[in-house]
Amino acid sequence: MRFRFLTSQSGAVYPLSLVFFLSALSLLSHMVLLYAIEYQTYDSLENVHRNATIQLLMEIGQNKIPE
């Protein structure tokens, strides 16, 4: 038998733990990637809002109030 260690109870734990840790690692990296995308989206929206606010305040300062 080539995979004799899988037939024993203690030998079957290693491949199962390897599959568990690889799946946990892939799930964790997927969550980190989603968080990074969400962070970049909110950061860019905040920058756009900040720039629009600065532009609006400059127009108010120059008495060019938009309608």
N, C-alpha and C. Protein backbone atom coordinates (compact mmCIF):
# COMPACT_ATOMS: atom_id res chain seq x y z
N MET A 1 0.84 -1.19 0.00
CA MET A 1 0.00 0.00 0.00
C MET A 1 0.88 1.24 0.00
N ARG A 2 0.50 2.11 -0.84
CA ARG A 2 1.30 3.32 -0.96
C ARG A 2 0.98 4.34 0.12
N PHE A 3 -0.29 4.48 0.45
CA PHE A 3 -0.71 5.46 1.47
C PHE A 3 -1.14 4.74 2.74
N ARG A 4 -0.24 3.97 3.29
CA ARG A 4 -0.55 3.18 4.48
C ARG A 4 -0.79 4.08 5.69
N PHE A 5 -0.16 5.27 5.73
CA PHE A 5 -0.32 6.15 6.89
C PHE A 5 -1.74 6.70 6.96
N LEU A 6 -2.49 6.69 5.86
CA LEU A 6 -3.86 7.19 5.89
C LEU A 6 -4.82 6.19 6.54
N THR A 7 -4.44 4.94 6.61
CA THR A 7 -5.33 3.95 7.21
C THR A 7 -5.30 4.01 8.73
N SER A 8 -4.22 4.47 9.30
CA SER A 8 -4.18 4.59 10.75
C SER A 8 -4.85 5.88 11.17
N GLN A 9 -5.29 5.90 12.40
CA GLN A 9 -6.04 7.06 12.88
C GLN A 9 -5.14 8.28 13.04
N SER A 10 -3.93 8.08 13.51
CA SER A 10 -3.05 9.23 13.71
C SER A 10 -2.49 9.75 12.38
N GLY A 11 -2.35 8.90 11.40
CA GLY A 11 -1.83 9.34 10.11
C GLY A 11 -2.84 10.08 9.28
N ALA A 12 -4.12 9.85 9.50
CA ALA A 12 -5.17 10.52 8.73
C ALA A 12 -5.37 11.96 9.19
N VAL A 13 -4.82 12.30 10.34
CA VAL A 13 -5.01 13.65 10.86
C VAL A 13 -4.20 14.66 10.05
N TYR A 14 -3.04 14.30 9.58
CA TYR A 14 -2.17 15.24 8.89
C TYR A 14 -2.77 15.77 7.59
N PRO A 15 -3.26 14.93 6.70
CA PRO A 15 -3.87 15.50 5.48
C PRO A 15 -5.14 16.30 5.77
N LEU A 16 -5.90 15.87 6.76
CA LEU A 16 -7.11 16.62 7.10
C LEU A 16 -6.77 17.98 7.70
N SER A 17 -5.75 18.03 8.52
CA SER A 17 -5.34 19.32 9.09
C SER A 17 -4.74 20.21 8.01
N LEU A 18 -4.04 19.62 7.07
CA LEU A 18 -3.49 20.40 5.97
C LEU A 18 -4.60 21.01 5.12
N VAL A 19 -5.62 20.25 4.82
CA VAL A 19 -6.76 20.77 4.06
C VAL A 19 -7.48 21.85 4.85
N PHE A 20 -7.64 21.65 6.15
CA PHE A 20 -8.30 22.65 6.99
C PHE A 20 -7.53 23.96 7.00
N PHE A 21 -6.22 23.90 7.21
CA PHE A 21 -5.42 25.12 7.30
C PHE A 21 -5.31 25.83 5.95
N LEU A 22 -5.25 25.07 4.87
CA LEU A 22 -5.21 25.71 3.55
C LEU A 22 -6.54 26.39 3.23
N SER A 23 -7.64 25.75 3.60
CA SER A 23 -8.94 26.40 3.36
C SER A 23 -9.12 27.61 4.27
N ALA A 24 -8.65 27.54 5.51
CA ALA A 24 -8.73 28.69 6.40
C ALA A 24 -7.85 29.83 5.89
N LEU A 25 -6.69 29.51 5.37
CA LEU A 25 -5.80 30.52 4.81
C LEU A 25 -6.41 31.19 3.59
N SER A 26 -7.03 30.40 2.72
CA SER A 26 -7.66 30.99 1.54
C SER A 26 -8.85 31.84 1.93
N LEU A 27 -9.63 31.42 2.92
CA LEU A 27 -10.76 32.22 3.38
C LEU A 27 -10.28 33.53 4.01
N LEU A 28 -9.24 33.46 4.79
CA LEU A 28 -8.70 34.66 5.42
C LEU A 28 -8.14 35.64 4.39
N SER A 29 -7.42 35.13 3.40
CA SER A 29 -6.89 36.01 2.37
C SER A 29 -8.01 36.62 1.53
N HIS A 30 -9.07 35.88 1.29
CA HIS A 30 -10.23 36.41 0.57
C HIS A 30 -10.89 37.53 1.36
N MET A 31 -11.04 37.36 2.66
CA MET A 31 -11.64 38.40 3.49
C MET A 31 -10.76 39.65 3.53
N VAL A 32 -9.45 39.48 3.60
CA VAL A 32 -8.54 40.63 3.61
C VAL A 32 -8.62 41.36 2.27
N LEU A 33 -8.72 40.63 1.17
CA LEU A 33 -8.83 41.25 -0.13
C LEU A 33 -10.13 42.05 -0.25
N LEU A 34 -11.23 41.49 0.24
CA LEU A 34 -12.50 42.21 0.20
C LEU A 34 -12.46 43.46 1.07
N TYR A 35 -11.82 43.39 2.22
CA TYR A 35 -11.70 44.55 3.09
C TYR A 35 -10.86 45.63 2.42
N ALA A 36 -9.79 45.23 1.75
CA ALA A 36 -8.93 46.21 1.08
C ALA A 36 -9.69 46.92 -0.04
N ILE A 37 -10.48 46.18 -0.79
CA ILE A 37 -11.28 46.79 -1.86
C ILE A 37 -12.30 47.75 -1.27
N GLU A 38 -12.95 47.35 -0.20
CA GLU A 38 -13.94 48.21 0.44
C GLU A 38 -13.27 49.47 1.01
N TYR A 39 -12.10 49.33 1.59
CA TYR A 39 -11.39 50.47 2.14
C TYR A 39 -11.01 51.46 1.04
N GLN A 40 -10.52 50.94 -0.08
CA GLN A 40 -10.15 51.82 -1.20
C GLN A 40 -11.37 52.54 -1.75
N THR A 41 -12.51 51.88 -1.81
CA THR A 41 -13.72 52.51 -2.31
C THR A 41 -14.15 53.64 -1.39
N TYR A 42 -14.21 53.39 -0.10
CA TYR A 42 -14.62 54.43 0.84
C TYR A 42 -13.61 55.58 0.89
N ASP A 43 -12.33 55.26 0.74
CA ASP A 43 -11.30 56.30 0.75
C ASP A 43 -11.44 57.20 -0.48
N SER A 44 -11.69 56.62 -1.63
CA SER A 44 -11.84 57.44 -2.84
C SER A 44 -13.12 58.27 -2.77
N LEU A 45 -14.19 57.72 -2.22
CA LEU A 45 -15.42 58.50 -2.05
C LEU A 45 -15.21 59.66 -1.09
N GLU A 46 -14.45 59.44 -0.04
CA GLU A 46 -14.17 60.50 0.91
C GLU A 46 -13.33 61.60 0.27
N ASN A 47 -12.36 61.21 -0.57
CA ASN A 47 -11.54 62.20 -1.26
C ASN A 47 -12.37 63.04 -2.22
N VAL A 48 -13.30 62.42 -2.93
CA VAL A 48 -14.17 63.16 -3.85
C VAL A 48 -15.05 64.12 -3.07
N HIS A 49 -15.60 63.66 -1.96
CA HIS A 49 -16.46 64.52 -1.15
C HIS A 49 -15.66 65.69 -0.57
N ARG A 50 -14.45 65.43 -0.12
CA ARG A 50 -13.61 66.49 0.43
C ARG A 50 -13.27 67.53 -0.63
N ASN A 51 -12.92 67.07 -1.83
CA ASN A 51 -12.60 68.01 -2.90
C ASN A 51 -13.81 68.83 -3.32
N ALA A 52 -15.00 68.22 -3.35
CA ALA A 52 -16.20 68.96 -3.69
C ALA A 52 -16.53 69.99 -2.62
N THR A 53 -16.30 69.66 -1.37
CA THR A 53 -16.55 70.60 -0.28
C THR A 53 -15.59 71.78 -0.36
N ILE A 54 -14.32 71.51 -0.65
CA ILE A 54 -13.34 72.58 -0.76
C ILE A 54 -13.69 73.50 -1.94
N GLN A 55 -14.09 72.90 -3.05
CA GLN A 55 -14.47 73.70 -4.21
C GLN A 55 -15.71 74.55 -3.92
N LEU A 56 -16.67 74.00 -3.22
CA LEU A 56 -17.88 74.74 -2.87
C LEU A 56 -17.55 75.89 -1.92
N LEU A 57 -16.69 75.66 -0.96
CA LEU A 57 -16.29 76.73 -0.04
C LEU A 57 -15.51 77.83 -0.76
N MET A 58 -14.71 77.46 -1.75
CA MET A 58 -13.99 78.48 -2.52
C MET A 58 -14.96 79.31 -3.35
N GLU A 59 -15.99 78.67 -3.90
CA GLU A 59 -16.99 79.42 -4.67
C GLU A 59 -17.80 80.33 -3.77
N ILE A 60 -18.10 79.89 -2.59
CA ILE A 60 -18.83 80.75 -1.63
C ILE A 60 -17.94 81.91 -1.22
N GLY A 61 -16.65 81.68 -1.04
CA GLY A 61 -15.72 82.74 -0.68
C GLY A 61 -15.57 83.79 -1.77
N GLN A 62 -15.76 83.38 -3.01
CA GLN A 62 -15.66 84.32 -4.12
C GLN A 62 -17.03 84.92 -4.50
N ASN A 63 -18.03 84.65 -3.68
CA ASN A 63 -19.41 85.09 -3.89
C ASN A 63 -20.00 84.56 -5.18
N LYS A 64 -19.59 83.39 -5.58
CA LYS A 64 -20.18 82.71 -6.73
C LYS A 64 -20.98 81.53 -6.21
N ILE A 65 -22.08 81.80 -5.61
CA ILE A 65 -22.88 80.76 -5.00
C ILE A 65 -23.66 80.04 -6.10
N PRO A 66 -23.45 78.73 -6.24
CA PRO A 66 -24.19 77.99 -7.29
C PRO A 66 -25.66 77.82 -6.88
N GLU A 67 -26.49 77.76 -7.88
CA GLU A 67 -27.93 77.61 -7.59
C GLU A 67 -28.33 76.17 -7.57
